[in-house]
N, C-alpha and C. Protein backbone atom coordinates (compact mmCIF):
# COMPACT_ATOMS: atom_id res chain seq x y z
N MET A 1 86.30 96.44 107.68
CA MET A 1 86.74 96.55 106.30
C MET A 1 85.52 96.72 105.39
N VAL A 2 85.73 97.45 104.30
CA VAL A 2 84.68 97.71 103.33
C VAL A 2 85.15 97.19 101.98
N ALA A 3 84.27 96.50 101.27
CA ALA A 3 84.59 95.99 99.93
C ALA A 3 84.37 97.09 98.90
N VAL A 4 85.33 97.23 97.98
CA VAL A 4 85.24 98.22 96.91
C VAL A 4 85.57 97.51 95.61
N SER A 5 84.72 97.69 94.60
CA SER A 5 84.99 97.14 93.27
C SER A 5 85.50 98.25 92.37
N LEU A 6 86.53 97.93 91.60
CA LEU A 6 87.16 98.91 90.72
C LEU A 6 87.30 98.34 89.33
N LYS A 7 87.27 99.21 88.34
CA LYS A 7 87.61 98.86 86.97
C LYS A 7 88.87 99.63 86.64
N LEU A 8 89.98 98.90 86.49
CA LEU A 8 91.26 99.55 86.22
C LEU A 8 91.83 99.11 84.89
N PRO A 9 92.56 100.01 84.22
CA PRO A 9 93.25 99.62 82.99
C PRO A 9 94.22 98.48 83.28
N ALA A 10 94.37 97.60 82.32
CA ALA A 10 95.24 96.43 82.47
C ALA A 10 96.66 96.82 82.86
N VAL A 11 97.18 97.93 82.32
CA VAL A 11 98.55 98.35 82.63
C VAL A 11 98.71 98.66 84.12
N LEU A 12 97.68 99.22 84.74
CA LEU A 12 97.77 99.51 86.17
C LEU A 12 97.69 98.23 87.00
N ILE A 13 96.87 97.29 86.58
CA ILE A 13 96.79 96.02 87.29
C ILE A 13 98.12 95.28 87.20
N GLU A 14 98.75 95.33 86.03
CA GLU A 14 100.08 94.71 85.88
C GLU A 14 101.10 95.38 86.80
N ALA A 15 101.05 96.70 86.92
CA ALA A 15 101.97 97.41 87.81
C ALA A 15 101.72 97.04 89.27
N ILE A 16 100.46 96.93 89.64
CA ILE A 16 100.09 96.52 91.00
C ILE A 16 100.62 95.11 91.27
N ASP A 17 100.44 94.22 90.32
CA ASP A 17 100.93 92.85 90.48
C ASP A 17 102.45 92.81 90.62
N GLU A 18 103.14 93.66 89.87
CA GLU A 18 104.60 93.72 89.95
C GLU A 18 105.04 94.22 91.33
N LEU A 19 104.37 95.25 91.83
CA LEU A 19 104.68 95.74 93.17
C LEU A 19 104.45 94.67 94.23
N GLN A 20 103.39 93.90 94.04
CA GLN A 20 103.10 92.83 94.99
C GLN A 20 104.24 91.80 95.00
N LYS A 21 104.76 91.50 93.81
CA LYS A 21 105.84 90.52 93.71
C LYS A 21 107.13 90.99 94.37
N VAL A 22 107.49 92.26 94.16
CA VAL A 22 108.78 92.76 94.62
C VAL A 22 108.73 93.42 95.99
N GLY A 23 107.54 93.76 96.45
CA GLY A 23 107.42 94.48 97.71
C GLY A 23 106.95 93.60 98.84
N PRO A 24 106.69 94.22 99.95
CA PRO A 24 106.27 93.48 101.14
C PRO A 24 104.76 93.24 101.18
N TYR A 25 104.11 93.26 100.04
CA TYR A 25 102.65 93.20 99.99
C TYR A 25 102.15 91.77 99.84
N THR A 26 101.04 91.48 100.49
CA THR A 26 100.47 90.14 100.44
C THR A 26 99.34 90.02 99.42
N SER A 27 98.87 91.15 98.90
CA SER A 27 97.75 91.12 97.97
C SER A 27 97.69 92.41 97.15
N ARG A 28 96.87 92.39 96.11
CA ARG A 28 96.63 93.62 95.34
C ARG A 28 96.04 94.69 96.24
N ALA A 29 95.13 94.27 97.11
CA ALA A 29 94.48 95.23 98.02
C ALA A 29 95.51 95.93 98.90
N ALA A 30 96.50 95.19 99.37
CA ALA A 30 97.54 95.80 100.21
C ALA A 30 98.34 96.83 99.42
N VAL A 31 98.62 96.54 98.17
CA VAL A 31 99.33 97.50 97.31
C VAL A 31 98.48 98.75 97.13
N ILE A 32 97.22 98.57 96.80
CA ILE A 32 96.33 99.72 96.55
C ILE A 32 96.15 100.54 97.82
N ARG A 33 95.96 99.89 98.96
CA ARG A 33 95.83 100.63 100.22
C ARG A 33 97.09 101.46 100.49
N SER A 34 98.26 100.89 100.24
CA SER A 34 99.51 101.62 100.44
C SER A 34 99.59 102.82 99.51
N ILE A 35 99.26 102.63 98.25
CA ILE A 35 99.27 103.73 97.29
C ILE A 35 98.31 104.83 97.73
N LEU A 36 97.11 104.45 98.14
CA LEU A 36 96.11 105.44 98.55
C LEU A 36 96.57 106.20 99.78
N THR A 37 97.20 105.52 100.70
CA THR A 37 97.69 106.18 101.91
C THR A 37 98.72 107.25 101.56
N GLN A 38 99.55 106.96 100.56
CA GLN A 38 100.59 107.90 100.14
C GLN A 38 100.06 108.97 99.19
N GLU A 39 99.31 108.55 98.20
CA GLU A 39 98.99 109.42 97.08
C GLU A 39 97.80 110.35 97.30
N VAL A 40 96.75 109.86 97.91
CA VAL A 40 95.55 110.70 98.00
C VAL A 40 95.82 111.98 98.78
N PRO A 41 96.38 111.91 99.99
CA PRO A 41 96.65 113.17 100.70
C PRO A 41 97.70 114.03 100.00
N LYS A 42 98.71 113.38 99.45
CA LYS A 42 99.84 114.08 98.84
C LYS A 42 99.45 114.85 97.58
N HIS A 43 98.51 114.32 96.83
CA HIS A 43 98.21 114.90 95.52
C HIS A 43 96.77 115.38 95.35
N LEU A 44 96.06 115.65 96.44
CA LEU A 44 94.66 116.05 96.32
C LEU A 44 94.52 117.29 95.43
N ALA A 45 95.38 118.28 95.60
CA ALA A 45 95.29 119.49 94.78
C ALA A 45 95.51 119.17 93.31
N ARG A 46 96.42 118.23 93.03
CA ARG A 46 96.68 117.85 91.65
C ARG A 46 95.47 117.14 91.06
N TYR A 47 94.80 116.30 91.84
CA TYR A 47 93.58 115.63 91.35
C TYR A 47 92.54 116.67 90.99
N GLN A 48 92.40 117.67 91.88
CA GLN A 48 91.39 118.69 91.65
C GLN A 48 91.71 119.47 90.38
N ALA A 49 92.94 119.86 90.20
CA ALA A 49 93.34 120.60 89.00
C ALA A 49 93.13 119.75 87.75
N THR A 50 93.47 118.47 87.84
CA THR A 50 93.28 117.57 86.70
C THR A 50 91.81 117.45 86.37
N TYR A 51 90.99 117.28 87.39
CA TYR A 51 89.55 117.11 87.16
C TYR A 51 88.95 118.38 86.58
N GLU A 52 89.32 119.54 87.14
CA GLU A 52 88.74 120.79 86.66
C GLU A 52 89.10 121.04 85.21
N ALA A 53 90.25 120.55 84.78
CA ALA A 53 90.64 120.70 83.38
C ALA A 53 89.97 119.65 82.50
N LYS A 54 89.20 118.76 83.13
CA LYS A 54 88.50 117.67 82.44
C LYS A 54 89.46 116.83 81.60
N GLU A 55 90.63 116.61 82.14
CA GLU A 55 91.64 115.82 81.45
C GLU A 55 92.18 114.75 82.38
N LEU A 56 91.35 113.82 82.78
CA LEU A 56 91.84 112.74 83.61
C LEU A 56 92.87 111.97 82.81
N PRO A 57 93.94 111.54 83.46
CA PRO A 57 95.05 110.92 82.73
C PRO A 57 94.64 109.69 81.93
N ALA A 58 95.17 109.60 80.74
CA ALA A 58 95.00 108.41 79.91
C ALA A 58 96.34 107.69 79.91
N HIS A 59 96.34 106.46 79.51
CA HIS A 59 97.59 105.71 79.52
C HIS A 59 98.27 105.84 78.18
N GLU A 60 99.59 105.94 78.23
CA GLU A 60 100.39 106.17 77.03
C GLU A 60 100.26 105.05 76.00
N ASP A 61 99.92 103.84 76.46
CA ASP A 61 99.80 102.74 75.52
C ASP A 61 98.47 102.77 74.76
N GLY A 62 97.62 103.75 75.09
CA GLY A 62 96.35 103.88 74.40
C GLY A 62 95.32 102.83 74.77
N SER A 63 95.64 102.00 75.73
CA SER A 63 94.75 100.91 76.11
C SER A 63 93.54 101.42 76.87
N GLU A 64 92.38 101.04 76.41
CA GLU A 64 91.16 101.38 77.12
C GLU A 64 90.56 100.15 77.77
N LYS A 65 91.22 99.01 77.62
CA LYS A 65 90.72 97.78 78.20
C LYS A 65 90.84 97.87 79.72
N ARG A 66 89.74 97.66 80.40
CA ARG A 66 89.76 97.71 81.86
C ARG A 66 89.31 96.38 82.42
N LYS A 67 89.84 96.04 83.58
CA LYS A 67 89.48 94.80 84.26
C LYS A 67 88.89 95.14 85.61
N ASN A 68 87.97 94.30 86.06
CA ASN A 68 87.38 94.49 87.38
C ASN A 68 88.23 93.81 88.43
N ILE A 69 88.44 94.51 89.53
CA ILE A 69 89.06 93.89 90.71
C ILE A 69 88.28 94.38 91.93
N SER A 70 88.34 93.62 92.99
CA SER A 70 87.70 94.00 94.25
C SER A 70 88.76 94.01 95.34
N ILE A 71 88.67 94.99 96.21
CA ILE A 71 89.61 95.09 97.32
C ILE A 71 88.82 95.38 98.60
N PHE A 72 89.46 95.13 99.73
CA PHE A 72 88.93 95.53 101.02
C PHE A 72 89.82 96.63 101.56
N MET A 73 89.18 97.64 102.15
CA MET A 73 89.94 98.72 102.77
C MET A 73 89.30 99.07 104.11
N PRO A 74 90.09 99.61 105.02
CA PRO A 74 89.53 100.01 106.30
C PRO A 74 88.42 101.04 106.10
N LYS A 75 87.42 100.97 106.95
CA LYS A 75 86.27 101.87 106.82
C LYS A 75 86.70 103.33 106.87
N GLN A 76 87.67 103.67 107.71
CA GLN A 76 88.13 105.05 107.81
C GLN A 76 88.71 105.54 106.48
N MET A 77 89.48 104.69 105.79
CA MET A 77 90.03 105.04 104.48
C MET A 77 88.90 105.21 103.46
N PHE A 78 87.93 104.30 103.50
CA PHE A 78 86.78 104.37 102.60
C PHE A 78 86.05 105.69 102.77
N VAL A 79 85.79 106.07 104.02
CA VAL A 79 85.06 107.31 104.31
C VAL A 79 85.86 108.52 103.83
N SER A 80 87.16 108.51 104.06
CA SER A 80 88.01 109.61 103.63
C SER A 80 88.02 109.76 102.11
N ILE A 81 88.16 108.65 101.40
CA ILE A 81 88.16 108.68 99.94
C ILE A 81 86.80 109.11 99.41
N ASP A 82 85.75 108.61 100.03
CA ASP A 82 84.40 108.97 99.62
C ASP A 82 84.19 110.48 99.78
N ARG A 83 84.65 111.04 100.90
CA ARG A 83 84.50 112.48 101.16
C ARG A 83 85.28 113.29 100.11
N MET A 84 86.51 112.88 99.82
CA MET A 84 87.32 113.59 98.82
C MET A 84 86.68 113.52 97.44
N ALA A 85 86.16 112.36 97.09
CA ALA A 85 85.51 112.19 95.79
C ALA A 85 84.31 113.13 95.67
N LYS A 86 83.53 113.23 96.74
CA LYS A 86 82.36 114.13 96.72
C LYS A 86 82.81 115.58 96.57
N GLU A 87 83.89 115.97 97.27
CA GLU A 87 84.41 117.33 97.16
C GLU A 87 84.83 117.64 95.72
N LEU A 88 85.38 116.65 95.04
CA LEU A 88 85.85 116.84 93.67
C LEU A 88 84.75 116.65 92.63
N GLY A 89 83.64 116.08 93.06
CA GLY A 89 82.54 115.84 92.12
C GLY A 89 82.78 114.68 91.18
N ILE A 90 83.60 113.72 91.60
CA ILE A 90 83.83 112.52 90.80
C ILE A 90 83.47 111.30 91.64
N ASN A 91 83.37 110.14 91.00
CA ASN A 91 83.04 108.97 91.80
C ASN A 91 84.28 108.39 92.47
N ARG A 92 84.04 107.64 93.49
CA ARG A 92 85.11 107.06 94.32
C ARG A 92 86.07 106.22 93.50
N SER A 93 85.55 105.40 92.61
CA SER A 93 86.40 104.54 91.79
C SER A 93 87.34 105.35 90.91
N GLU A 94 86.84 106.45 90.39
CA GLU A 94 87.69 107.29 89.53
C GLU A 94 88.80 107.96 90.35
N LEU A 95 88.50 108.39 91.56
CA LEU A 95 89.53 108.97 92.41
C LEU A 95 90.61 107.93 92.71
N ILE A 96 90.22 106.71 93.00
CA ILE A 96 91.18 105.65 93.28
C ILE A 96 92.01 105.37 92.03
N ARG A 97 91.36 105.31 90.87
CA ARG A 97 92.10 105.07 89.62
C ARG A 97 93.11 106.17 89.36
N VAL A 98 92.71 107.42 89.58
CA VAL A 98 93.62 108.54 89.36
C VAL A 98 94.80 108.47 90.33
N ALA A 99 94.55 108.10 91.58
CA ALA A 99 95.64 107.98 92.56
C ALA A 99 96.64 106.92 92.11
N ILE A 100 96.13 105.77 91.68
CA ILE A 100 97.01 104.69 91.22
C ILE A 100 97.75 105.12 89.96
N ASP A 101 97.05 105.80 89.06
CA ASP A 101 97.67 106.29 87.82
C ASP A 101 98.81 107.27 88.13
N HIS A 102 98.57 108.20 89.04
CA HIS A 102 99.61 109.17 89.40
C HIS A 102 100.81 108.46 90.03
N PHE A 103 100.55 107.49 90.88
CA PHE A 103 101.65 106.73 91.48
C PHE A 103 102.44 106.02 90.39
N TYR A 104 101.74 105.38 89.48
CA TYR A 104 102.39 104.65 88.39
C TYR A 104 103.25 105.58 87.55
N ARG A 105 102.71 106.74 87.20
CA ARG A 105 103.46 107.68 86.37
C ARG A 105 104.69 108.22 87.10
N GLU A 106 104.54 108.47 88.40
CA GLU A 106 105.66 109.02 89.18
C GLU A 106 106.78 108.00 89.35
N TYR A 107 106.43 106.73 89.47
CA TYR A 107 107.43 105.69 89.72
C TYR A 107 107.55 104.72 88.55
N GLN A 108 107.21 105.17 87.36
CA GLN A 108 107.15 104.31 86.19
C GLN A 108 108.50 103.65 85.88
N GLU A 109 109.60 104.33 86.14
CA GLU A 109 110.90 103.74 85.84
C GLU A 109 111.13 102.44 86.61
N VAL A 110 110.50 102.29 87.75
CA VAL A 110 110.62 101.06 88.54
C VAL A 110 110.01 99.89 87.77
N PHE A 111 108.98 100.16 86.98
CA PHE A 111 108.26 99.11 86.28
C PHE A 111 108.87 98.76 84.92
N ARG A 112 109.75 99.63 84.42
CA ARG A 112 110.40 99.35 83.14
C ARG A 112 111.50 98.33 83.34
N LYS A 113 111.50 97.31 82.51
CA LYS A 113 112.54 96.27 82.64
C LYS A 113 113.09 95.95 81.29
């Protein structure tokens, strides 16, 4: 396992915490690993298009407050994400944030209560 530190908007951390509560996840890291397994391969072209347009997604609530979290991920996942980030010319943390953001936006109705 490899340790990764991230700075995520509070709204995404809240969504991750909600998924942990309602899903089969034991930790924030488990939620994030699941999202990355689904989202990174599925949406790589969309990440590239978003990055090339220099319009990384912002949150609708206008919140720029970010919190630090640390997760552990399998080395193979770390290497794969690192390689994709280099291909896109962005840092690893930003690729992870974009993946989580895309997941949140796609499934946002689940989080509305």
